[in-house]
């Protein structure tokens, strides 16, 4: 709480995508307050690249699809805009090249899902080390300035798991029709 008597707010966006066998990827964005309370959720229909896109994008297909295409679409759809976006998929960091808010990956030091992206800058938030796209290393400064708004051991993976569970439930519901 600040001296002026009002609380500082931090809206976090949790972005994840799941692959649906034969149908492409479904993405979801959960916007929460700093305590993890849901404020808004949006998801996409399955997005599947065609063969020409697969050929033309090559190794950059997944970052383009998840970050630029699905991520941007979801961010445009939400009415409550997050102050930053968190993901556990380093390919989604590509989104940062197309928006003006920080995007961080909760990737641990032993994982490396993406060989295409150079992930360098790090910052600590809520008990997690976050990584950023190498062309947006200043995003770590934003996280450092805002980290006091989260409890020291806040679980930043748990909301991402909720997004994946919600996407899986949505997929099950649609497939059952």
C-alpha atoms as a PDB file:
ATOM      1  CA  UNK A   1       0.000   0.000   0.000  1.00  0.00           C
ATOM      2  CA  UNK A   2       1.338   3.439  -0.855  1.00  0.00           C
ATOM      3  CA  UNK A   3       1.402   6.453   1.448  1.00  0.00           C
ATOM      4  CA  UNK A   4      -1.509   8.062  -0.399  1.00  0.00           C
ATOM      5  CA  UNK A   5      -3.856   5.341   0.860  1.00  0.00           C
ATOM      6  CA  UNK A   6      -4.491   3.500  -2.417  1.00  0.00           C
ATOM      7  CA  UNK A   7      -3.215   0.091  -3.384  1.00  0.00           C
ATOM      8  CA  UNK A   8      -0.899  -0.451  -6.269  1.00  0.00           C
ATOM      9  CA  UNK A   9      -2.366  -2.853  -8.780  1.00  0.00           C
ATOM     10  CA  UNK A  10      -0.603  -5.323 -11.031  1.00  0.00           C
ATOM     11  CA  UNK A  11      -2.566  -7.202 -13.671  1.00  0.00           C
ATOM     12  CA  UNK A  12      -0.810 -10.316 -14.910  1.00  0.00           C
ATOM     13  CA  UNK A  13      -1.589 -12.120 -18.148  1.00  0.00           C
ATOM     14  CA  UNK A  14      -0.907 -15.853 -18.264  1.00  0.00           C
ATOM     15  CA  UNK A  15      -0.625 -17.110 -21.847  1.00  0.00           C
ATOM     16  CA  UNK A  16      -0.456 -20.768 -22.841  1.00  0.00           C
ATOM     17  CA  UNK A  17      -1.192 -22.904 -25.876  1.00  0.00           C
ATOM     18  CA  UNK A  18      -1.953 -26.582 -26.339  1.00  0.00           C
ATOM     19  CA  UNK A  19      -1.699 -28.632 -29.495  1.00  0.00           C
ATOM     20  CA  UNK A  20      -4.848 -30.417 -30.611  1.00  0.00           C
ATOM     21  CA  UNK A  21      -4.030 -33.540 -32.595  1.00  0.00           C
ATOM     22  CA  UNK A  22      -4.606 -32.843 -36.287  1.00  0.00           C
ATOM     23  CA  UNK A  23      -6.276 -29.480 -35.658  1.00  0.00           C
ATOM     24  CA  UNK A  24      -3.448 -27.113 -34.681  1.00  0.00           C
ATOM     25  CA  UNK A  25      -3.001 -25.029 -31.543  1.00  0.00           C
ATOM     26  CA  UNK A  26      -5.512 -23.502 -29.151  1.00  0.00           C
ATOM     27  CA  UNK A  27      -4.308 -20.554 -27.088  1.00  0.00           C
ATOM     28  CA  UNK A  28      -5.641 -19.081 -23.875  1.00  0.00           C
ATOM     29  CA  UNK A  29      -4.980 -15.878 -21.952  1.00  0.00           C
ATOM     30  CA  UNK A  30      -5.972 -15.516 -18.299  1.00  0.00           C
ATOM     31  CA  UNK A  31      -5.735 -12.031 -16.813  1.00  0.00           C
ATOM     32  CA  UNK A  32      -5.505 -11.951 -13.010  1.00  0.00           C
ATOM     33  CA  UNK A  33      -4.840  -9.457 -10.275  1.00  0.00           C
ATOM     34  CA  UNK A  34      -1.549  -9.728  -8.386  1.00  0.00           C
ATOM     35  CA  UNK A  35      -3.147 -12.238  -5.999  1.00  0.00           C
ATOM     36  CA  UNK A  36      -4.042 -14.631  -8.834  1.00  0.00           C
ATOM     37  CA  UNK A  37      -7.769 -13.850  -8.857  1.00  0.00           C
ATOM     38  CA  UNK A  38      -9.185 -14.228 -12.395  1.00  0.00           C
ATOM     39  CA  UNK A  39     -10.335 -11.012 -14.025  1.00  0.00           C
ATOM     40  CA  UNK A  40     -10.847 -12.251 -17.604  1.00  0.00           C
ATOM     41  CA  UNK A  41     -10.185 -15.315 -19.787  1.00  0.00           C
ATOM     42  CA  UNK A  42     -10.149 -15.640 -23.563  1.00  0.00           C
ATOM     43  CA  UNK A  43      -9.244 -18.555 -25.807  1.00  0.00           C
ATOM     44  CA  UNK A  44      -8.915 -19.147 -29.524  1.00  0.00           C
ATOM     45  CA  UNK A  45     -10.349 -21.755 -31.805  1.00  0.00           C
ATOM     46  CA  UNK A  46      -7.758 -24.190 -33.192  1.00  0.00           C
ATOM     47  CA  UNK A  47      -5.226 -22.491 -35.461  1.00  0.00           C
ATOM     48  CA  UNK A  48      -3.464 -24.775 -37.913  1.00  0.00           C
ATOM     49  CA  UNK A  49      -0.823 -23.571 -40.343  1.00  0.00           C
ATOM     50  CA  UNK A  50      -1.173 -24.730 -43.924  1.00  0.00           C
ATOM     51  CA  UNK A  51       1.628 -26.533 -45.739  1.00  0.00           C
ATOM     52  CA  UNK A  52       2.843 -23.358 -47.467  1.00  0.00           C
ATOM     53  CA  UNK A  53       3.200 -21.592 -44.095  1.00  0.00           C
ATOM     54  CA  UNK A  54       5.079 -24.590 -42.707  1.00  0.00           C
ATOM     55  CA  UNK A  55       7.537 -24.383 -45.617  1.00  0.00           C
ATOM     56  CA  UNK A  56       7.946 -20.598 -45.593  1.00  0.00           C
ATOM     57  CA  UNK A  57       8.288 -20.153 -41.815  1.00  0.00           C
ATOM     58  CA  UNK A  58      10.487 -23.196 -41.260  1.00  0.00           C
ATOM     59  CA  UNK A  59      11.951 -23.175 -37.741  1.00  0.00           C
ATOM     60  CA  UNK A  60      10.162 -19.907 -36.940  1.00  0.00           C
ATOM     61  CA  UNK A  61       6.702 -21.437 -37.519  1.00  0.00           C
ATOM     62  CA  UNK A  62       5.918 -22.167 -33.865  1.00  0.00           C
ATOM     63  CA  UNK A  63       7.104 -18.753 -32.511  1.00  0.00           C
ATOM     64  CA  UNK A  64       5.107 -17.010 -35.265  1.00  0.00           C
ATOM     65  CA  UNK A  65       2.018 -19.118 -34.663  1.00  0.00           C
ATOM     66  CA  UNK A  66       2.025 -19.008 -30.838  1.00  0.00           C
ATOM     67  CA  UNK A  67       3.538 -15.595 -30.223  1.00  0.00           C
ATOM     68  CA  UNK A  68       2.574 -13.345 -33.071  1.00  0.00           C
ATOM     69  CA  UNK A  69      -0.664 -14.881 -34.341  1.00  0.00           C
ATOM     70  CA  UNK A  70      -2.350 -16.457 -31.302  1.00  0.00           C
ATOM     71  CA  UNK A  71      -0.813 -14.197 -28.635  1.00  0.00           C
ATOM     72  CA  UNK A  72      -1.660 -10.954 -30.416  1.00  0.00           C
ATOM     73  CA  UNK A  73      -5.210 -12.124 -31.132  1.00  0.00           C
ATOM     74  CA  UNK A  74      -5.826 -12.966 -27.480  1.00  0.00           C
ATOM     75  CA  UNK A  75      -4.346  -9.704 -26.239  1.00  0.00           C
ATOM     76  CA  UNK A  76      -6.593  -7.751 -28.620  1.00  0.00           C
ATOM     77  CA  UNK A  77      -9.653  -9.656 -27.378  1.00  0.00           C
ATOM     78  CA  UNK A  78      -9.273  -9.026 -23.652  1.00  0.00           C
ATOM     79  CA  UNK A  79     -10.928  -5.901 -22.318  1.00  0.00           C
ATOM     80  CA  UNK A  80      -8.752  -5.895 -19.164  1.00  0.00           C
ATOM     81  CA  UNK A  81      -5.217  -5.411 -20.436  1.00  0.00           C
ATOM     82  CA  UNK A  82      -2.413  -7.006 -18.410  1.00  0.00           C
ATOM     83  CA  UNK A  83       0.630  -5.033 -17.267  1.00  0.00           C
ATOM     84  CA  UNK A  84       2.814  -7.974 -18.262  1.00  0.00           C
ATOM     85  CA  UNK A  85       2.407 -11.438 -19.757  1.00  0.00           C
ATOM     86  CA  UNK A  86       3.864 -14.642 -18.350  1.00  0.00           C
ATOM     87  CA  UNK A  87       4.264 -17.933 -20.178  1.00  0.00           C
ATOM     88  CA  UNK A  88       6.111 -21.194 -19.734  1.00  0.00           C
ATOM     89  CA  UNK A  89       6.700 -21.599 -23.479  1.00  0.00           C
ATOM     90  CA  UNK A  90       9.741 -19.715 -24.811  1.00  0.00           C
ATOM     91  CA  UNK A  91       8.245 -19.633 -28.319  1.00  0.00           C
ATOM     92  CA  UNK A  92       5.539 -17.286 -26.996  1.00  0.00           C
ATOM     93  CA  UNK A  93       8.251 -14.717 -26.214  1.00  0.00           C
ATOM     94  CA  UNK A  94       7.992 -13.769 -29.905  1.00  0.00           C
ATOM     95  CA  UNK A  95       4.822 -11.891 -28.910  1.00  0.00           C
ATOM     96  CA  UNK A  96       6.994  -9.222 -27.275  1.00  0.00           C
ATOM     97  CA  UNK A  97       8.244  -8.117 -30.704  1.00  0.00           C
ATOM     98  CA  UNK A  98       4.672  -7.088 -31.557  1.00  0.00           C
ATOM     99  CA  UNK A  99       3.327  -5.481 -28.361  1.00  0.00           C
ATOM    100  CA  UNK A 100       4.370  -2.737 -25.928  1.00  0.00           C
ATOM    101  CA  UNK A 101       4.123  -4.683 -22.667  1.00  0.00           C
ATOM    102  CA  UNK A 102       6.716  -7.014 -21.106  1.00  0.00           C
ATOM    103  CA  UNK A 103       6.530 -10.738 -21.826  1.00  0.00           C
ATOM    104  CA  UNK A 104       8.413 -13.142 -19.550  1.00  0.00           C
ATOM    105  CA  UNK A 105       8.979 -16.874 -19.588  1.00  0.00           C
ATOM    106  CA  UNK A 106       9.083 -18.951 -16.403  1.00  0.00           C
ATOM    107  CA  UNK A 107      11.516 -21.273 -18.122  1.00  0.00           C
ATOM    108  CA  UNK A 108      13.904 -22.909 -15.685  1.00  0.00           C
ATOM    109  CA  UNK A 109      17.634 -22.986 -16.327  1.00  0.00           C
ATOM    110  CA  UNK A 110      17.651 -26.628 -17.443  1.00  0.00           C
ATOM    111  CA  UNK A 111      14.888 -26.339 -20.041  1.00  0.00           C
ATOM    112  CA  UNK A 112      15.317 -25.162 -23.576  1.00  0.00           C
ATOM    113  CA  UNK A 113      12.314 -25.754 -25.747  1.00  0.00           C
ATOM    114  CA  UNK A 114      13.237 -23.199 -28.337  1.00  0.00           C
ATOM    115  CA  UNK A 115      16.498 -23.152 -30.188  1.00  0.00           C
ATOM    116  CA  UNK A 116      15.354 -20.204 -32.312  1.00  0.00           C
ATOM    117  CA  UNK A 117      15.106 -17.558 -29.605  1.00  0.00           C
ATOM    118  CA  UNK A 118      18.031 -16.091 -27.751  1.00  0.00           C
ATOM    119  CA  UNK A 119      16.924 -15.715 -24.128  1.00  0.00           C
ATOM    120  CA  UNK A 120      19.361 -13.709 -22.028  1.00  0.00           C
ATOM    121  CA  UNK A 121      18.038 -11.225 -19.463  1.00  0.00           C
ATOM    122  CA  UNK A 122      16.585 -12.551 -16.214  1.00  0.00           C
ATOM    123  CA  UNK A 123      14.730 -11.156 -13.208  1.00  0.00           C
ATOM    124  CA  UNK A 124      13.223 -12.617 -10.049  1.00  0.00           C
ATOM    125  CA  UNK A 125       9.488 -12.350  -9.367  1.00  0.00           C
ATOM    126  CA  UNK A 126       7.354 -14.320  -6.977  1.00  0.00           C
ATOM    127  CA  UNK A 127       9.914 -16.995  -6.251  1.00  0.00           C
ATOM    128  CA  UNK A 128      10.569 -17.611  -9.954  1.00  0.00           C
ATOM    129  CA  UNK A 129      13.378 -16.637 -12.249  1.00  0.00           C
ATOM    130  CA  UNK A 130      11.942 -15.107 -15.393  1.00  0.00           C
ATOM    131  CA  UNK A 131      13.628 -14.862 -18.764  1.00  0.00           C
ATOM    132  CA  UNK A 132      13.036 -12.383 -21.553  1.00  0.00           C
ATOM    133  CA  UNK A 133      13.544 -12.196 -25.278  1.00  0.00           C
ATOM    134  CA  UNK A 134      17.064 -10.951 -25.966  1.00  0.00           C
ATOM    135  CA  UNK A 135      15.822  -7.924 -27.937  1.00  0.00           C
ATOM    136  CA  UNK A 136      13.741  -6.772 -24.943  1.00  0.00           C
ATOM    137  CA  UNK A 137      16.113  -7.180 -22.030  1.00  0.00           C
ATOM    138  CA  UNK A 138      14.872  -3.953 -20.427  1.00  0.00           C
ATOM    139  CA  UNK A 139      11.656  -5.830 -19.555  1.00  0.00           C
ATOM    140  CA  UNK A 140      13.598  -7.258 -16.615  1.00  0.00           C
ATOM    141  CA  UNK A 141      13.746  -3.718 -15.155  1.00  0.00           C
ATOM    142  CA  UNK A 142       9.939  -3.490 -15.226  1.00  0.00           C
ATOM    143  CA  UNK A 143       9.693  -6.811 -13.385  1.00  0.00           C
ATOM    144  CA  UNK A 144      12.239  -5.701 -10.799  1.00  0.00           C
ATOM    145  CA  UNK A 145      10.255  -2.478 -10.174  1.00  0.00           C
ATOM    146  CA  UNK A 146       6.943  -4.358  -9.841  1.00  0.00           C
ATOM    147  CA  UNK A 147       8.096  -7.459  -7.942  1.00  0.00           C
ATOM    148  CA  UNK A 148       7.221  -5.916  -4.565  1.00  0.00           C
ATOM    149  CA  UNK A 149       3.533  -6.256  -5.509  1.00  0.00           C
ATOM    150  CA  UNK A 150       3.708 -10.066  -5.371  1.00  0.00           C
ATOM    151  CA  UNK A 151       4.405 -12.253  -2.349  1.00  0.00           C
ATOM    152  CA  UNK A 152       8.006 -13.458  -2.400  1.00  0.00           C
ATOM    153  CA  UNK A 153       7.040 -17.063  -3.064  1.00  0.00           C
ATOM    154  CA  UNK A 154       4.021 -16.484  -5.338  1.00  0.00           C
ATOM    155  CA  UNK A 155       3.554 -19.478  -7.630  1.00  0.00           C
ATOM    156  CA  UNK A 156       3.628 -18.094 -11.169  1.00  0.00           C
ATOM    157  CA  UNK A 157       3.298 -21.575 -12.697  1.00  0.00           C
ATOM    158  CA  UNK A 158      -0.063 -22.342 -11.078  1.00  0.00           C
ATOM    159  CA  UNK A 159      -2.101 -19.816 -13.137  1.00  0.00           C
ATOM    160  CA  UNK A 160      -0.433 -21.180 -16.299  1.00  0.00           C
ATOM    161  CA  UNK A 161      -1.586 -24.654 -15.263  1.00  0.00           C
ATOM    162  CA  UNK A 162      -5.124 -23.259 -14.832  1.00  0.00           C
ATOM    163  CA  UNK A 163      -5.003 -21.880 -18.383  1.00  0.00           C
ATOM    164  CA  UNK A 164      -3.886 -25.244 -19.762  1.00  0.00           C
ATOM    165  CA  UNK A 165      -6.601 -27.060 -17.792  1.00  0.00           C
ATOM    166  CA  UNK A 166      -9.237 -24.604 -19.057  1.00  0.00           C
ATOM    167  CA  UNK A 167      -8.017 -25.104 -22.640  1.00  0.00           C
ATOM    168  CA  UNK A 168      -8.086 -28.891 -22.259  1.00  0.00           C
ATOM    169  CA  UNK A 169     -11.624 -28.686 -20.844  1.00  0.00           C
ATOM    170  CA  UNK A 170     -12.721 -26.441 -23.716  1.00  0.00           C
ATOM    171  CA  UNK A 171     -11.204 -28.858 -26.238  1.00  0.00           C
ATOM    172  CA  UNK A 172     -12.927 -31.840 -24.584  1.00  0.00           C
ATOM    173  CA  UNK A 173     -16.262 -30.015 -24.642  1.00  0.00           C
ATOM    174  CA  UNK A 174     -15.931 -29.046 -28.312  1.00  0.00           C
ATOM    175  CA  UNK A 175     -14.748 -32.523 -29.367  1.00  0.00           C
ATOM    176  CA  UNK A 176     -17.694 -34.149 -27.556  1.00  0.00           C
ATOM    177  CA  UNK A 177     -20.235 -32.296 -29.706  1.00  0.00           C
END
